Amino acid sequence: MSIALILAAGKGTRMRSDLPKPLVPFRGKPIVTHIIEAFTEARITTIALIIGFEAEKVKAAIGPGVDYILQKDQKGTGHAVMQAVEYASLANTSVFVFVGDAPLITAETIKKLEAHHLKTQASCTFLTAVFDINLPYARVIKNESGVVIACIEEKNATPEQLKIKELLSSHFIFKGEDLFALIHEIPADKENGEYYLTDIISLFLSNGMKVESLQIDNYQELVGLNTPEDIAWAEQFTESIKQTQV
């Protein structure tokens, strides 16, 4: 059994909207609805939204069909998953953890990620892409054999590491028991006290656990939308895809 956790607790100040970020419209639906539908199409039917800012408004808008987990204090993506440990213990195989602001993700990519994860029997597998645009995402560091040896947040990267174009955008799948074993060991960030889920990768690696990445062709699927300009960009991209399919 696989379950999906969607991180949807953010306020989304940069959206300049009266709505909480998960409910900002994209192509006629709330942003987060597109992600729910992608999981449903991929036959992942146990889905929970981790909510926080204006939680009741999010629940009322999205309605039944998914579960809800409250993150009272928004202290980062790692902290969000900590709130879901009891719920996620329902999974006896895999736990997806996806950000809730990247609505271009497809069911096909979700299925590929799950298949790769199960085939390799990794503790953690995450999606990557080579990005043609500059985004403040973590750099994926690999050895000569293509094995993941580190993921470095942009603010901590060296000038040489910043040249790396293969980025991680917080689309994960975990072996459930390994996630539960280490999630509470994520350290708080020294600057802001938040807990970042990407930091669990170094914990897995230092404990000798297997970490895999799956690079996809379309980086657009992984882009989080944070501003009205981002929404317009994603609308334009989606429209261009539709036109090529005519």
Protein backbone atom coordinates (compact mmCIF):
# COMPACT_ATOMS: atom_id res chain seq x y z
CA MET A 1 0.00 0.00 0.00
CA SER A 2 1.30 3.44 -0.96
CA ILE A 3 0.07 6.72 0.45
CA ALA A 4 0.64 10.31 -0.60
CA LEU A 5 1.33 13.30 1.62
CA ILE A 6 0.91 16.67 -0.08
CA LEU A 7 2.50 19.67 1.65
CA ALA A 8 -0.19 22.35 1.57
CA ALA A 9 0.23 24.43 4.73
CA GLY A 10 1.72 27.54 3.20
CA LYS A 11 0.31 31.04 3.20
CA GLY A 12 1.60 32.00 -0.23
CA THR A 13 2.21 35.68 0.47
CA ARG A 14 3.92 36.24 -2.88
CA MET A 15 0.76 35.14 -4.70
CA ARG A 16 -0.83 38.43 -3.62
CA SER A 17 -4.14 36.61 -3.20
CA ASP A 18 -6.81 36.53 -0.50
CA LEU A 19 -6.76 32.73 -0.78
CA PRO A 20 -4.34 30.38 0.95
CA LYS A 21 -1.74 29.18 -1.53
CA PRO A 22 -3.19 25.67 -2.16
CA LEU A 23 -6.47 27.24 -3.29
CA VAL A 24 -5.05 29.78 -5.75
CA PRO A 25 -6.68 28.99 -9.11
CA PHE A 26 -4.73 27.39 -11.94
CA ARG A 27 -6.58 26.42 -15.11
CA GLY A 28 -9.94 26.60 -13.38
CA LYS A 29 -9.06 24.59 -10.27
CA PRO A 30 -7.12 25.11 -7.05
CA ILE A 31 -3.41 24.44 -7.54
CA VAL A 32 -3.44 21.51 -5.12
CA THR A 33 -6.39 19.84 -6.87
CA HIS A 34 -4.22 19.15 -9.92
CA ILE A 35 -1.78 17.23 -7.71
CA ILE A 36 -4.56 15.26 -6.02
CA GLU A 37 -5.94 14.32 -9.44
CA ALA A 38 -2.51 13.20 -10.67
CA PHE A 39 -2.16 10.85 -7.69
CA THR A 40 -5.68 9.54 -8.18
CA GLU A 41 -4.99 8.87 -11.85
CA ALA A 42 -1.83 7.03 -10.79
CA ARG A 43 -4.04 4.85 -8.56
CA ILE A 44 -2.70 6.22 -5.30
CA THR A 45 -5.98 6.50 -3.44
CA THR A 46 -4.85 7.21 0.13
CA ILE A 47 -3.99 10.90 0.03
CA ALA A 48 -3.54 13.40 2.85
CA LEU A 49 -3.05 17.14 2.68
CA ILE A 50 -0.84 18.61 5.38
CA ILE A 51 -2.54 21.94 6.01
CA GLY A 52 -1.89 24.92 8.25
CA PHE A 53 -2.68 28.46 7.15
CA GLU A 54 -6.48 28.90 6.96
CA ALA A 55 -6.83 25.14 7.34
CA GLU A 56 -10.62 25.15 7.59
CA LYS A 57 -10.93 27.12 4.37
CA VAL A 58 -8.74 24.58 2.58
CA LYS A 59 -10.78 21.67 3.94
CA ALA A 60 -14.06 23.30 2.91
CA ALA A 61 -12.81 23.99 -0.61
CA ILE A 62 -11.21 20.60 -1.30
CA GLY A 63 -13.84 18.58 0.55
CA PRO A 64 -13.99 14.82 1.18
CA GLY A 65 -11.98 12.25 -0.72
CA VAL A 66 -8.68 13.15 0.95
CA ASP A 67 -7.54 13.18 4.56
CA TYR A 68 -6.22 16.23 6.40
CA ILE A 69 -3.33 16.60 8.83
CA LEU A 70 -2.83 19.86 10.70
CA GLN A 71 0.56 21.53 10.91
CA LYS A 72 -0.20 24.12 13.58
CA ASP A 73 3.12 25.93 13.32
CA GLN A 74 4.69 26.14 9.88
CA LYS A 75 8.28 25.20 10.65
CA GLY A 76 9.37 23.76 7.33
CA THR A 77 8.80 20.74 5.13
CA GLY A 78 10.50 18.31 7.49
CA HIS A 79 8.37 19.56 10.37
CA ALA A 80 5.27 19.06 8.21
CA VAL A 81 6.10 15.39 7.66
CA MET A 82 6.75 14.96 11.39
CA GLN A 83 3.06 15.77 11.94
CA ALA A 84 2.11 12.90 9.66
CA VAL A 85 4.10 10.07 11.22
CA GLU A 86 1.12 8.44 12.93
CA TYR A 87 -1.01 8.72 9.79
CA ALA A 88 1.77 7.54 7.50
CA SER A 89 2.33 4.44 9.62
CA LEU A 90 -0.66 3.07 7.70
CA ALA A 91 1.70 2.53 4.79
CA ASN A 92 3.47 -0.80 4.67
CA THR A 93 5.45 -0.01 1.55
CA SER A 94 5.83 3.54 0.31
CA VAL A 95 5.13 7.12 1.32
CA PHE A 96 5.07 9.84 -1.32
CA VAL A 97 5.82 13.37 -0.12
CA PHE A 98 5.16 16.07 -2.72
CA VAL A 99 5.04 19.83 -2.48
CA GLY A 100 1.55 21.21 -3.02
CA ASP A 101 2.40 24.03 -5.41
CA ALA A 102 3.67 22.18 -8.50
CA PRO A 103 0.47 21.43 -10.46
CA LEU A 104 2.13 20.29 -13.71
CA ILE A 105 3.17 16.93 -12.24
CA THR A 106 1.67 14.01 -14.18
CA ALA A 107 0.32 10.62 -13.22
CA GLU A 108 2.82 9.06 -15.62
CA THR A 109 5.74 10.59 -13.71
CA ILE A 110 4.27 9.48 -10.37
CA LYS A 111 3.99 5.91 -11.64
CA LYS A 112 7.56 5.98 -12.98
CA LEU A 113 8.84 7.25 -9.64
CA GLU A 114 7.05 4.51 -7.72
CA ALA A 115 8.24 1.79 -10.11
CA HIS A 116 11.88 2.95 -9.91
CA HIS A 117 11.71 3.17 -6.13
CA LEU A 118 10.32 -0.33 -5.72
CA LYS A 119 12.69 -1.83 -8.29
CA THR A 120 15.78 -0.39 -6.60
CA GLN A 121 14.48 -1.03 -3.06
CA ALA A 122 15.80 2.37 -1.99
CA SER A 123 15.04 4.04 1.32
CA CYS A 124 14.40 7.28 -0.54
CA THR A 125 13.93 8.15 -4.20
CA PHE A 126 13.36 11.66 -5.49
CA LEU A 127 12.64 13.34 -8.80
CA THR A 128 15.19 15.58 -10.46
CA ALA A 129 15.48 17.45 -13.73
CA VAL A 130 17.94 19.61 -15.59
CA PHE A 131 16.44 23.08 -15.35
CA ASP A 132 16.70 25.67 -18.12
CA ILE A 133 15.71 28.43 -15.70
CA ASN A 134 17.34 29.64 -12.51
CA LEU A 135 15.50 28.45 -9.41
CA PRO A 136 16.64 28.32 -5.77
CA TYR A 137 16.45 24.53 -5.54
CA ALA A 138 18.94 22.08 -4.06
CA ARG A 139 21.79 20.84 -6.24
CA VAL A 140 22.11 17.07 -6.69
CA ILE A 141 25.70 15.92 -6.18
CA LYS A 142 26.68 12.57 -7.72
CA ASN A 143 29.90 10.60 -7.97
CA GLU A 144 31.47 9.41 -11.22
CA SER A 145 29.16 6.38 -11.24
CA GLY A 146 26.06 8.57 -11.07
CA VAL A 147 25.28 7.66 -7.46
CA VAL A 148 23.78 10.38 -5.26
CA ILE A 149 26.28 11.41 -2.59
CA ALA A 150 24.71 14.68 -1.41
CA CYS A 151 22.03 17.29 -1.98
CA ILE A 152 23.11 20.84 -1.23
CA GLU A 153 20.71 23.72 -0.71
CA GLU A 154 21.48 26.68 -2.96
CA LYS A 155 22.41 28.94 -0.04
CA ASN A 156 25.02 26.41 1.11
CA ALA A 157 26.43 25.55 -2.32
CA THR A 158 29.93 26.48 -3.45
CA PRO A 159 30.38 28.46 -6.69
CA GLU A 160 31.33 25.20 -8.42
CA GLN A 161 28.24 23.39 -7.10
CA LEU A 162 26.02 26.25 -8.23
CA LYS A 163 26.97 25.38 -11.82
CA ILE A 164 25.12 22.06 -11.46
CA LYS A 165 21.84 22.17 -13.38
CA GLU A 166 20.32 18.93 -12.05
CA LEU A 167 18.07 20.10 -9.25
CA LEU A 168 15.89 18.52 -6.57
CA SER A 169 12.46 20.05 -6.05
CA SER A 170 10.94 18.10 -3.14
CA HIS A 171 9.11 15.27 -4.89
CA PHE A 172 9.99 12.20 -2.81
CA ILE A 173 8.97 8.62 -2.22
CA PHE A 174 10.20 6.83 0.89
CA LYS A 175 10.27 3.35 2.32
CA GLY A 176 7.86 3.96 5.17
CA GLU A 177 9.78 2.41 8.04
CA ASP A 178 13.00 4.20 7.08
CA LEU A 179 11.24 7.56 6.90
CA PHE A 180 9.74 7.06 10.36
CA ALA A 181 13.09 5.97 11.79
CA LEU A 182 14.88 9.18 10.83
CA ILE A 183 12.33 11.97 10.38
CA HIS A 184 12.74 13.25 13.94
CA GLU A 185 16.52 13.36 13.57
CA ILE A 186 16.38 16.18 11.02
CA PRO A 187 18.22 19.11 12.62
CA ALA A 188 16.71 22.56 12.87
CA ASP A 189 18.19 25.14 10.53
CA LYS A 190 20.61 27.37 12.43
CA GLU A 191 19.28 30.56 10.83
CA ASN A 192 15.51 30.19 11.10
CA GLY A 193 14.83 27.11 13.23
CA GLU A 194 12.94 25.33 10.44
CA TYR A 195 13.25 21.65 9.54
CA TYR A 196 13.90 20.87 5.88
CA LEU A 197 12.92 17.51 4.43
CA THR A 198 15.89 17.58 2.05
CA ASP A 199 18.15 17.21 5.10
CA ILE A 200 16.90 13.66 5.57
CA ILE A 201 18.90 12.65 2.48
CA SER A 202 22.21 13.18 4.29
CA LEU A 203 20.84 11.19 7.25
CA PHE A 204 19.99 8.27 4.97
CA LEU A 205 23.42 8.39 3.34
CA SER A 206 25.31 8.62 6.64
CA ASN A 207 23.36 5.61 7.92
CA GLY A 208 24.30 3.55 4.87
CA MET A 209 20.78 3.58 3.43
CA LYS A 210 20.17 3.59 -0.30
CA VAL A 211 19.18 6.87 -1.94
CA GLU A 212 18.06 6.98 -5.58
CA SER A 213 17.14 9.77 -7.96
CA LEU A 214 15.02 9.67 -11.09
CA GLN A 215 15.71 12.37 -13.66
CA ILE A 216 12.75 13.35 -15.83
CA ASP A 217 12.81 15.19 -19.15
CA ASN A 218 10.29 17.94 -18.46
CA TYR A 219 11.57 20.13 -15.63
CA GLN A 220 8.31 22.08 -15.86
CA GLU A 221 6.54 19.28 -13.96
CA LEU A 222 8.62 20.07 -10.88
CA VAL A 223 8.36 23.85 -10.78
CA GLY A 224 6.57 25.32 -7.78
CA LEU A 225 4.30 28.29 -8.48
CA ASN A 226 4.85 31.15 -6.04
CA THR A 227 3.71 34.32 -7.82
CA PRO A 228 1.05 35.43 -10.32
CA GLU A 229 3.87 35.54 -12.87
CA ASP A 230 4.61 31.87 -12.18
CA ILE A 231 0.94 31.05 -12.75
CA ALA A 232 1.02 32.88 -16.09
CA TRP A 233 4.19 31.00 -17.09
CA ALA A 234 2.60 27.63 -16.26
CA GLU A 235 -0.59 28.56 -18.12
CA GLN A 236 1.45 29.43 -21.19
CA PHE A 237 3.43 26.19 -20.99
CA THR A 238 0.28 24.10 -20.64
CA GLU A 239 -1.31 25.86 -23.60
CA SER A 240 1.78 25.24 -25.75
CA ILE A 241 1.62 21.52 -24.90
CA LYS A 242 -2.05 21.41 -25.90
CA GLN A 243 -1.29 23.04 -29.24
CA THR A 244 1.43 20.51 -30.06
CA GLN A 245 -1.04 17.70 -29.37
CA VAL A 246 -3.65 19.02 -31.81
